[in-house]
Amino acid sequence: MRAAAGWLALIESGSASDQDRAELQRWRDSHSTHEQAWQKAQMLRQRFADLPSALAMASLDRPQPSRRTVIKRALGAVALVPAAWLISRQLPLDVWSADLRTATGEGKKVQLTDGSSLQLNTASAVDIDLSKRLLKLVEGEIALNVPGTKPLTIQTHFGQIVVSQSEVCVRQGASGCKVSVLKGAAQLQPLRGPVFSLRGGQQVSLRAAGAGNVEPFDVLAPGWRDGVLMAQNQPLGDFLRELSSYRPGVLRWEPELESLRVTGSFRLDDTDRILALLAASLPIEVHSRTRYWVTLLPRKNSV
């Protein structure tokens, strides 16, 4: 849906080239869900295209400058509604109304009144009710450090995590929730299955059907807390999917780039620089149509 919004914005801008339109057609043809998303965008756009032009022009012809400005802004907003609607499908009301939330590429760290430390990763949202000793992870990823013995409960879509004298990272997606214990121990209650404990250095995925297998903790994963994205011989496709969560707009790449390997430590405060570093160390080219529309292609052999 985000990709469809990006394509719609490009086409509606009036600056799309024949190559852009050909790329759009290839994107639509590549998967049935792409075509469905595009058709939904077109249907909504058509709904707003029925605004009577005579009414609009009559309003624009009025001599009052302030009214012309208002009408022009209103018509501009109408043109942007389809893209905004598509993106809003990814940002439901409970995210916007959350006690704490971060935008794409933003991080936030707060000290709670009980002495606990809470940190939000990119595009995350959480509700806080310390009177009930409860945090609700609405979306995204948080790190929570509870130094005291009075437990705090993290509520997710896939179960609860009770934290006391320990530090955890909890990352929630559409299909599951990964819980990692950095130090101490935490008690987990999946939606299905028994309560169990997770110790420092361990991680587990919670899903609707219950908990998965307990695995060793990935020490590179929480680098985001220090504003760093780390990789150790990681497939480029996986790295780019992670990187794209820190960038607004659309980041695309050719399938043949998926299997390239990445190793390094990258500062998240400048994702454009990360792409430049990748291009300097790997056989890829970065094509930026705008800051919000970037495509990675295999590097052409120089003659």
Protein backbone atom coordinates (compact mmCIF):
# COMPACT_ATOMS: atom_id res chain seq x y z
CA MET A 1 0.00 0.00 0.00
CA ARG A 2 2.89 2.37 0.72
CA ALA A 3 4.41 1.56 -2.66
CA ALA A 4 1.07 2.24 -4.37
CA ALA A 5 0.90 5.61 -2.59
CA GLY A 6 4.41 6.41 -3.82
CA TRP A 7 3.56 5.49 -7.40
CA LEU A 8 0.35 7.51 -7.24
CA ALA A 9 2.19 10.58 -5.95
CA LEU A 10 4.73 10.28 -8.77
CA ILE A 11 2.12 9.89 -11.52
CA GLU A 12 -0.07 12.68 -10.12
CA SER A 13 2.92 15.04 -9.92
CA GLY A 14 2.90 15.40 -13.71
CA SER A 15 6.65 14.79 -13.93
CA ALA A 16 6.52 11.05 -14.57
CA SER A 17 8.48 9.93 -17.62
CA ASP A 18 7.67 7.11 -20.02
CA GLN A 19 10.24 5.01 -18.15
CA ASP A 20 8.43 5.73 -14.86
CA ARG A 21 5.15 4.57 -16.36
CA ALA A 22 6.82 1.44 -17.70
CA GLU A 23 8.28 0.70 -14.27
CA LEU A 24 4.86 1.21 -12.71
CA GLN A 25 3.36 -1.28 -15.17
CA ARG A 26 6.08 -3.82 -14.32
CA TRP A 27 5.39 -3.32 -10.63
CA ARG A 28 1.66 -3.85 -11.17
CA ASP A 29 2.29 -6.97 -13.25
CA SER A 30 4.78 -8.49 -10.79
CA HIS A 31 2.17 -9.50 -8.20
CA SER A 32 -1.61 -9.57 -7.94
CA THR A 33 -1.59 -7.66 -4.64
CA HIS A 34 0.27 -4.81 -6.35
CA GLU A 35 -2.46 -4.51 -8.96
CA GLN A 36 -5.17 -4.66 -6.29
CA ALA A 37 -3.51 -1.86 -4.32
CA TRP A 38 -3.19 0.24 -7.45
CA GLN A 39 -6.85 -0.25 -8.40
CA LYS A 40 -7.96 0.78 -4.90
CA ALA A 41 -5.87 3.94 -5.21
CA GLN A 42 -7.38 4.71 -8.61
CA MET A 43 -10.94 4.16 -7.37
CA LEU A 44 -10.44 6.56 -4.48
CA ARG A 45 -8.79 9.14 -6.73
CA GLN A 46 -11.78 8.97 -9.10
CA ARG A 47 -14.16 9.53 -6.21
CA PHE A 48 -12.51 12.90 -5.51
CA ALA A 49 -12.13 13.77 -9.19
CA ASP A 50 -15.90 14.38 -9.42
CA LEU A 51 -15.65 17.78 -7.71
CA PRO A 52 -17.68 20.21 -9.93
CA SER A 53 -15.15 22.28 -11.88
CA ALA A 54 -17.57 25.23 -12.26
CA LEU A 55 -17.89 25.53 -8.52
CA ALA A 56 -14.16 25.37 -8.08
CA MET A 57 -13.45 27.97 -10.79
CA ALA A 58 -16.18 30.32 -9.51
CA SER A 59 -14.57 30.25 -6.11
CA LEU A 60 -11.10 30.80 -7.54
CA ASP A 61 -12.33 33.78 -9.59
CA ARG A 62 -13.49 35.66 -6.52
CA PRO A 63 -11.44 38.80 -5.84
CA GLN A 64 -10.72 38.06 -2.19
CA PRO A 65 -7.09 36.78 -2.01
CA SER A 66 -7.71 34.95 1.24
CA ARG A 67 -10.58 32.96 -0.22
CA ARG A 68 -8.56 32.05 -3.33
CA THR A 69 -5.79 30.80 -1.08
CA VAL A 70 -8.20 28.71 0.96
CA ILE A 71 -9.80 27.13 -2.11
CA LYS A 72 -6.45 26.39 -3.75
CA ARG A 73 -5.26 24.71 -0.61
CA ALA A 74 -8.48 22.73 -0.40
CA LEU A 75 -8.14 21.52 -3.99
CA GLY A 76 -4.52 20.61 -3.31
CA ALA A 77 -5.61 18.61 -0.31
CA VAL A 78 -8.19 16.78 -2.44
CA ALA A 79 -5.46 15.81 -4.91
CA LEU A 80 -3.37 14.39 -2.09
CA VAL A 81 -6.15 12.47 -0.36
CA PRO A 82 -5.58 9.10 -2.13
CA ALA A 83 -1.89 8.91 -1.19
CA ALA A 84 -2.63 10.12 2.33
CA TRP A 85 -5.39 7.54 2.68
CA LEU A 86 -3.16 4.70 1.52
CA ILE A 87 -0.46 5.64 4.00
CA SER A 88 -2.98 6.14 6.80
CA ARG A 89 -4.00 2.51 6.35
CA GLN A 90 -0.59 1.74 7.86
CA LEU A 91 -1.06 4.25 10.70
CA PRO A 92 -4.30 3.42 12.53
CA LEU A 93 -5.97 5.66 15.09
CA ASP A 94 -4.52 3.84 18.11
CA VAL A 95 -1.01 4.76 16.90
CA TRP A 96 -1.84 8.45 16.54
CA SER A 97 -3.56 8.56 19.94
CA ALA A 98 -0.81 6.67 21.81
CA ASP A 99 0.85 8.28 24.85
CA LEU A 100 4.26 8.09 23.19
CA ARG A 101 5.04 7.55 19.53
CA THR A 102 7.84 8.06 17.03
CA ALA A 103 7.78 8.81 13.33
CA THR A 104 9.75 6.92 10.70
CA GLY A 105 13.45 7.44 11.39
CA GLU A 106 12.82 8.95 14.82
CA GLY A 107 13.86 7.56 18.19
CA LYS A 108 12.83 8.59 21.67
CA LYS A 109 14.06 7.87 25.20
CA VAL A 110 12.14 8.75 28.37
CA GLN A 111 12.63 8.23 32.09
CA LEU A 112 9.46 7.00 33.77
CA THR A 113 8.45 8.30 37.19
CA ASP A 114 9.23 4.94 38.82
CA GLY A 115 12.86 5.11 37.66
CA SER A 116 12.42 2.77 34.69
CA SER A 117 13.92 3.72 31.34
CA LEU A 118 11.87 3.37 28.14
CA GLN A 119 13.21 3.78 24.61
CA LEU A 120 11.19 3.75 21.38
CA ASN A 121 12.62 2.72 18.03
CA THR A 122 11.48 4.05 14.64
CA ALA A 123 7.72 4.14 13.88
CA SER A 124 6.71 2.90 17.33
CA ALA A 125 3.90 3.70 19.73
CA VAL A 126 3.16 2.82 23.35
CA ASP A 127 0.50 3.57 25.95
CA ILE A 128 1.59 3.96 29.59
CA ASP A 129 -0.47 3.39 32.74
CA LEU A 130 1.86 3.27 35.73
CA SER A 131 -1.09 3.14 38.13
CA LYS A 132 -1.70 -0.36 36.76
CA ARG A 133 2.02 -1.01 36.17
CA LEU A 134 1.20 -1.55 32.50
CA LEU A 135 2.75 -0.60 29.17
CA LYS A 136 0.86 -1.39 25.98
CA LEU A 137 3.02 -1.79 22.88
CA VAL A 138 0.75 -0.53 20.12
CA GLU A 139 3.27 -0.79 17.30
CA GLY A 140 6.98 -1.09 16.64
CA GLU A 141 9.82 -1.75 19.06
CA ILE A 142 10.75 -0.68 22.58
CA ALA A 143 13.58 -1.27 25.03
CA LEU A 144 12.61 -1.27 28.70
CA ASN A 145 14.96 -1.27 31.70
CA VAL A 146 13.27 -1.82 35.07
CA PRO A 147 15.88 -1.47 37.84
CA GLY A 148 13.48 -1.98 40.76
CA THR A 149 11.72 -5.05 42.09
CA LYS A 150 8.23 -3.70 41.36
CA PRO A 151 7.35 -5.38 38.05
CA LEU A 152 6.09 -3.67 34.91
CA THR A 153 3.95 -5.61 32.43
CA ILE A 154 4.31 -5.08 28.67
CA GLN A 155 1.11 -5.96 26.84
CA THR A 156 1.43 -6.94 23.18
CA HIS A 157 -0.95 -8.36 20.58
CA PHE A 158 0.57 -11.80 21.19
CA GLY A 159 0.92 -12.00 24.97
CA GLN A 160 2.39 -10.29 28.01
CA ILE A 161 5.93 -9.81 29.33
CA VAL A 162 6.53 -9.11 33.02
CA VAL A 163 9.77 -7.20 33.62
CA SER A 164 11.47 -6.77 37.00
CA GLN A 165 15.13 -5.98 37.68
CA SER A 166 15.86 -6.68 34.04
CA GLU A 167 16.21 -5.14 30.61
CA VAL A 168 14.31 -6.31 27.54
CA CYS A 169 13.69 -5.42 23.89
CA VAL A 170 10.28 -6.15 22.43
CA ARG A 171 9.61 -5.85 18.71
CA GLN A 172 6.04 -6.25 17.45
CA GLY A 173 5.01 -6.84 13.86
CA ALA A 174 1.83 -7.88 12.11
CA SER A 175 2.44 -11.62 12.51
CA GLY A 176 4.41 -11.88 15.73
CA CYS A 177 6.40 -10.33 18.53
CA LYS A 178 10.09 -10.94 19.28
CA VAL A 179 11.12 -10.69 22.93
CA SER A 180 14.84 -10.41 23.80
CA VAL A 181 16.24 -10.27 27.32
CA LEU A 182 19.44 -8.24 27.54
CA LYS A 183 19.98 -8.80 31.26
CA GLY A 184 18.10 -10.30 34.17
CA ALA A 185 15.02 -12.37 33.41
CA ALA A 186 11.45 -11.85 32.25
CA GLN A 187 8.26 -13.84 32.61
CA LEU A 188 6.23 -14.42 29.44
CA GLN A 189 2.56 -15.30 29.07
CA PRO A 190 1.74 -16.15 25.43
CA LEU A 191 -1.83 -16.01 24.16
CA ARG A 192 -1.67 -19.80 24.09
CA GLY A 193 0.50 -22.05 26.20
CA PRO A 194 2.00 -21.92 29.69
CA VAL A 195 3.84 -19.11 31.42
CA PHE A 196 7.64 -19.42 31.15
CA SER A 197 10.78 -17.47 31.97
CA LEU A 198 13.33 -16.02 29.58
CA ARG A 199 16.85 -15.33 30.87
CA GLY A 200 19.48 -12.83 29.82
CA GLY A 201 21.01 -13.72 26.45
CA GLN A 202 17.83 -15.42 25.24
CA GLN A 203 15.10 -14.45 22.81
CA VAL A 204 11.81 -15.94 21.64
CA SER A 205 9.04 -15.13 19.16
CA LEU A 206 5.43 -14.92 20.31
CA ARG A 207 2.71 -15.57 17.75
CA ALA A 208 -1.03 -16.08 17.79
CA ALA A 209 -0.49 -19.85 18.08
CA GLY A 210 1.90 -19.48 21.03
CA ALA A 211 5.63 -19.18 21.70
CA GLY A 212 8.36 -20.43 19.38
CA ASN A 213 11.66 -21.96 20.37
CA VAL A 214 13.96 -20.14 22.77
CA GLU A 215 17.13 -19.06 20.95
CA PRO A 216 20.39 -17.26 21.79
CA PHE A 217 20.08 -13.50 21.80
CA ASP A 218 21.36 -11.61 18.74
CA VAL A 219 23.84 -9.12 20.23
CA LEU A 220 23.76 -6.94 17.09
CA ALA A 221 20.00 -6.41 17.11
CA PRO A 222 19.70 -3.71 19.81
CA GLY A 223 22.25 -1.40 18.17
CA TRP A 224 19.35 0.94 17.35
CA ARG A 225 19.35 2.07 21.00
CA ASP A 226 22.65 3.82 20.25
CA GLY A 227 21.51 5.02 16.82
CA VAL A 228 23.44 2.31 15.00
CA LEU A 229 22.42 -0.39 12.52
CA MET A 230 24.89 -3.27 12.64
CA ALA A 231 25.36 -6.19 10.26
CA GLN A 232 27.67 -9.21 10.26
CA ASN A 233 27.76 -10.96 6.88
CA GLN A 234 24.05 -10.21 6.50
CA PRO A 235 22.20 -10.67 3.18
CA LEU A 236 21.76 -7.27 1.57
CA GLY A 237 18.03 -7.85 1.11
CA ASP A 238 17.52 -8.36 4.86
CA PHE A 239 19.68 -5.34 5.61
CA LEU A 240 17.72 -3.11 3.22
CA ARG A 241 14.39 -4.23 4.61
CA GLU A 242 15.60 -3.20 8.06
CA LEU A 243 17.05 0.06 6.74
CA SER A 244 13.81 0.95 4.95
CA SER A 245 11.99 1.11 8.30
CA TYR A 246 14.18 4.12 9.16
CA ARG A 247 13.58 5.96 5.88
CA PRO A 248 10.43 7.81 4.81
CA GLY A 249 9.29 7.11 1.26
CA VAL A 250 10.08 4.18 -1.00
CA LEU A 251 13.33 2.19 -1.12
CA ARG A 252 13.45 -0.41 -3.92
CA TRP A 253 16.11 -2.78 -5.20
CA GLU A 254 16.53 -5.41 -7.88
CA PRO A 255 16.07 -9.05 -6.78
CA GLU A 256 19.61 -10.02 -7.86
CA LEU A 257 21.00 -7.78 -5.12
CA GLU A 258 19.32 -9.79 -2.34
CA SER A 259 22.17 -12.26 -1.84
CA LEU A 260 25.02 -9.74 -1.60
CA ARG A 261 26.57 -9.63 1.89
CA VAL A 262 26.91 -6.67 4.24
CA THR A 263 29.20 -6.23 7.25
CA GLY A 264 29.57 -3.01 9.16
CA SER A 265 28.24 -0.51 11.66
CA PHE A 266 26.12 2.32 10.21
CA ARG A 267 24.84 5.51 11.84
CA LEU A 268 21.06 5.77 11.50
CA ASP A 269 20.99 9.57 11.63
CA ASP A 270 21.96 9.71 7.93
CA THR A 271 20.44 6.88 5.91
CA ASP A 272 21.46 8.55 2.63
CA ARG A 273 25.07 8.15 3.72
CA ILE A 274 24.40 4.47 4.47
CA LEU A 275 23.27 3.98 0.87
CA ALA A 276 26.36 5.81 -0.36
CA LEU A 277 28.60 3.56 1.75
CA LEU A 278 26.87 0.48 0.36
CA ALA A 279 27.45 1.73 -3.19
CA ALA A 280 31.12 2.31 -2.39
CA SER A 281 31.69 -1.20 -1.07
CA LEU A 282 29.29 -3.32 -3.14
CA PRO A 283 28.60 -3.59 -6.90
CA ILE A 284 25.45 -1.47 -6.75
CA GLU A 285 24.28 1.93 -7.95
CA VAL A 286 21.95 4.29 -6.09
CA HIS A 287 19.37 6.06 -8.26
CA SER A 288 17.53 8.82 -6.40
CA ARG A 289 14.53 10.29 -8.19
CA THR A 290 13.80 12.27 -5.03
CA ARG A 291 14.82 11.98 -1.38
CA TYR A 292 11.76 9.77 -0.95
CA TRP A 293 12.09 7.58 -4.03
CA VAL A 294 15.33 5.58 -4.23
CA THR A 295 16.15 2.51 -6.32
CA LEU A 296 19.24 0.29 -6.04
CA LEU A 297 20.46 -1.35 -9.24
CA PRO A 298 23.38 -3.65 -10.09
CA ARG A 299 26.42 -1.60 -11.08
CA LYS A 300 27.05 -1.55 -14.81
CA ASN A 301 30.47 -2.72 -15.96
CA SER A 302 32.57 0.20 -17.06
CA VAL A 303 33.96 0.05 -20.59
